[in-house]
Amino acid sequence: MNLSPLNLVPCHIPQRIVEIKAGLEARRKFLAMGLHVGDSIVKLNRSNWSPVLIRNLTTGSSKIAIGQGLARKILVVDALSLI
């Protein structure tokens, strides 16, 4: 299982959140946005400097924009490799 930060994964490939390496306040922000460990998400844009756009496939949410700093704290694995 190869963990990668969300901001470095390719676009339009389902990813599963494995770990959130963040403090209490950042974890609260993720929970408020509806992002949890175990959720399947997909990154919608290539973003080197702009916010990372994602969609939570588990909850069927609309687009969520996350800053680069927060995106680095979300560790994901390719959801298709878990099948």
C-alpha atoms as a PDB file:
ATOM      1  CA  MET A   1       0.000   0.000   0.000  1.00  0.00           C
ATOM      2  CA  ASN A   2       1.675   3.176  -1.239  1.00  0.00           C
ATOM      3  CA  LEU A   3       0.452   6.277   0.613  1.00  0.00           C
ATOM      4  CA  SER A   4       0.580   9.616  -1.198  1.00  0.00           C
ATOM      5  CA  PRO A   5      -0.472  13.124  -0.197  1.00  0.00           C
ATOM      6  CA  LEU A   6      -3.639  14.224  -1.953  1.00  0.00           C
ATOM      7  CA  ASN A   7      -1.975  17.129  -3.750  1.00  0.00           C
ATOM      8  CA  LEU A   8       0.424  14.740  -5.574  1.00  0.00           C
ATOM      9  CA  VAL A   9      -1.992  12.100  -6.883  1.00  0.00           C
ATOM     10  CA  PRO A  10      -3.255  12.097 -10.500  1.00  0.00           C
ATOM     11  CA  CYS A  11      -6.645  13.521 -11.444  1.00  0.00           C
ATOM     12  CA  HIS A  12      -9.857  11.588 -12.066  1.00  0.00           C
ATOM     13  CA  ILE A  13      -8.662   8.375 -10.365  1.00  0.00           C
ATOM     14  CA  PRO A  14     -10.620   7.311  -7.263  1.00  0.00           C
ATOM     15  CA  GLN A  15      -8.565   7.494  -4.072  1.00  0.00           C
ATOM     16  CA  ARG A  16      -9.332   6.269  -0.557  1.00  0.00           C
ATOM     17  CA  ILE A  17      -8.428   8.417   2.464  1.00  0.00           C
ATOM     18  CA  VAL A  18      -6.177   6.304   4.689  1.00  0.00           C
ATOM     19  CA  GLU A  19      -4.842   8.847   7.154  1.00  0.00           C
ATOM     20  CA  ILE A  20      -5.188  12.506   8.031  1.00  0.00           C
ATOM     21  CA  LYS A  21      -1.900  13.829   9.422  1.00  0.00           C
ATOM     22  CA  ALA A  22      -3.160  17.004  11.016  1.00  0.00           C
ATOM     23  CA  GLY A  23      -3.810  18.671  14.316  1.00  0.00           C
ATOM     24  CA  LEU A  24      -7.141  19.002  16.057  1.00  0.00           C
ATOM     25  CA  GLU A  25      -8.233  22.195  14.275  1.00  0.00           C
ATOM     26  CA  ALA A  26      -7.440  20.866  10.796  1.00  0.00           C
ATOM     27  CA  ARG A  27      -9.266  17.613  11.598  1.00  0.00           C
ATOM     28  CA  ARG A  28     -12.316  19.654  12.585  1.00  0.00           C
ATOM     29  CA  LYS A  29     -12.178  21.428   9.222  1.00  0.00           C
ATOM     30  CA  PHE A  30     -12.067  18.109   7.376  1.00  0.00           C
ATOM     31  CA  LEU A  31     -15.009  16.762   9.400  1.00  0.00           C
ATOM     32  CA  ALA A  32     -16.981  19.944   8.729  1.00  0.00           C
ATOM     33  CA  MET A  33     -16.353  19.450   4.992  1.00  0.00           C
ATOM     34  CA  GLY A  34     -17.517  15.836   5.270  1.00  0.00           C
ATOM     35  CA  LEU A  35     -14.113  14.198   4.741  1.00  0.00           C
ATOM     36  CA  HIS A  36     -13.362  11.121   6.862  1.00  0.00           C
ATOM     37  CA  VAL A  37     -10.806   8.322   6.917  1.00  0.00           C
ATOM     38  CA  GLY A  38     -12.131   5.557   4.671  1.00  0.00           C
ATOM     39  CA  ASP A  39     -13.990   7.859   2.267  1.00  0.00           C
ATOM     40  CA  SER A  40     -13.466   7.477  -1.476  1.00  0.00           C
ATOM     41  CA  ILE A  41     -12.629  10.752  -3.189  1.00  0.00           C
ATOM     42  CA  VAL A  42     -11.554  11.892  -6.632  1.00  0.00           C
ATOM     43  CA  LYS A  43      -9.269  14.833  -7.414  1.00  0.00           C
ATOM     44  CA  LEU A  44     -10.792  17.002 -10.133  1.00  0.00           C
ATOM     45  CA  ASN A  45      -7.952  19.319 -11.158  1.00  0.00           C
ATOM     46  CA  ARG A  46      -4.210  19.485 -11.646  1.00  0.00           C
ATOM     47  CA  SER A  47      -3.115  22.018  -9.105  1.00  0.00           C
ATOM     48  CA  ASN A  48       0.422  23.113  -8.473  1.00  0.00           C
ATOM     49  CA  TRP A  49      -0.468  26.431  -6.871  1.00  0.00           C
ATOM     50  CA  SER A  50      -4.253  26.678  -6.884  1.00  0.00           C
ATOM     51  CA  PRO A  51      -6.625  24.940  -4.446  1.00  0.00           C
ATOM     52  CA  VAL A  52      -7.221  21.220  -4.937  1.00  0.00           C
ATOM     53  CA  LEU A  53     -10.762  20.454  -6.104  1.00  0.00           C
ATOM     54  CA  ILE A  54     -12.171  17.129  -4.943  1.00  0.00           C
ATOM     55  CA  ARG A  55     -15.462  15.263  -4.842  1.00  0.00           C
ATOM     56  CA  ASN A  56     -16.332  12.832  -2.060  1.00  0.00           C
ATOM     57  CA  LEU A  57     -17.662   9.723  -3.812  1.00  0.00           C
ATOM     58  CA  THR A  58     -18.774   8.119  -0.547  1.00  0.00           C
ATOM     59  CA  THR A  59     -21.236  10.878   0.328  1.00  0.00           C
ATOM     60  CA  GLY A  60     -21.880  12.106  -3.211  1.00  0.00           C
ATOM     61  CA  SER A  61     -20.974  15.657  -2.258  1.00  0.00           C
ATOM     62  CA  SER A  62     -20.513  18.543  -4.620  1.00  0.00           C
ATOM     63  CA  LYS A  63     -17.057  19.959  -5.342  1.00  0.00           C
ATOM     64  CA  ILE A  64     -14.884  20.876  -2.368  1.00  0.00           C
ATOM     65  CA  ALA A  65     -11.876  23.206  -2.647  1.00  0.00           C
ATOM     66  CA  ILE A  66      -8.979  22.480  -0.280  1.00  0.00           C
ATOM     67  CA  GLY A  67      -5.832  24.558   0.022  1.00  0.00           C
ATOM     68  CA  GLN A  68      -2.455  23.015  -0.804  1.00  0.00           C
ATOM     69  CA  GLY A  69      -1.449  22.905   2.874  1.00  0.00           C
ATOM     70  CA  LEU A  70      -4.507  20.916   3.911  1.00  0.00           C
ATOM     71  CA  ALA A  71      -4.272  18.670   0.834  1.00  0.00           C
ATOM     72  CA  ARG A  72      -0.736  17.654   1.878  1.00  0.00           C
ATOM     73  CA  LYS A  73      -2.119  16.395   5.193  1.00  0.00           C
ATOM     74  CA  ILE A  74      -4.535  13.919   3.576  1.00  0.00           C
ATOM     75  CA  LEU A  75      -2.804  10.620   2.782  1.00  0.00           C
ATOM     76  CA  VAL A  76      -4.552   8.502   0.180  1.00  0.00           C
ATOM     77  CA  VAL A  77      -4.143   5.246  -1.703  1.00  0.00           C
ATOM     78  CA  ASP A  78      -5.504   4.309  -5.128  1.00  0.00           C
ATOM     79  CA  ALA A  79      -8.995   2.948  -4.396  1.00  0.00           C
ATOM     80  CA  LEU A  80      -8.837   0.622  -7.393  1.00  0.00           C
ATOM     81  CA  SER A  81      -5.742  -1.124  -5.989  1.00  0.00           C
ATOM     82  CA  LEU A  82      -7.718  -2.122  -2.878  1.00  0.00           C
ATOM     83  CA  ILE A  83     -10.199  -4.250  -4.829  1.00  0.00           C
END
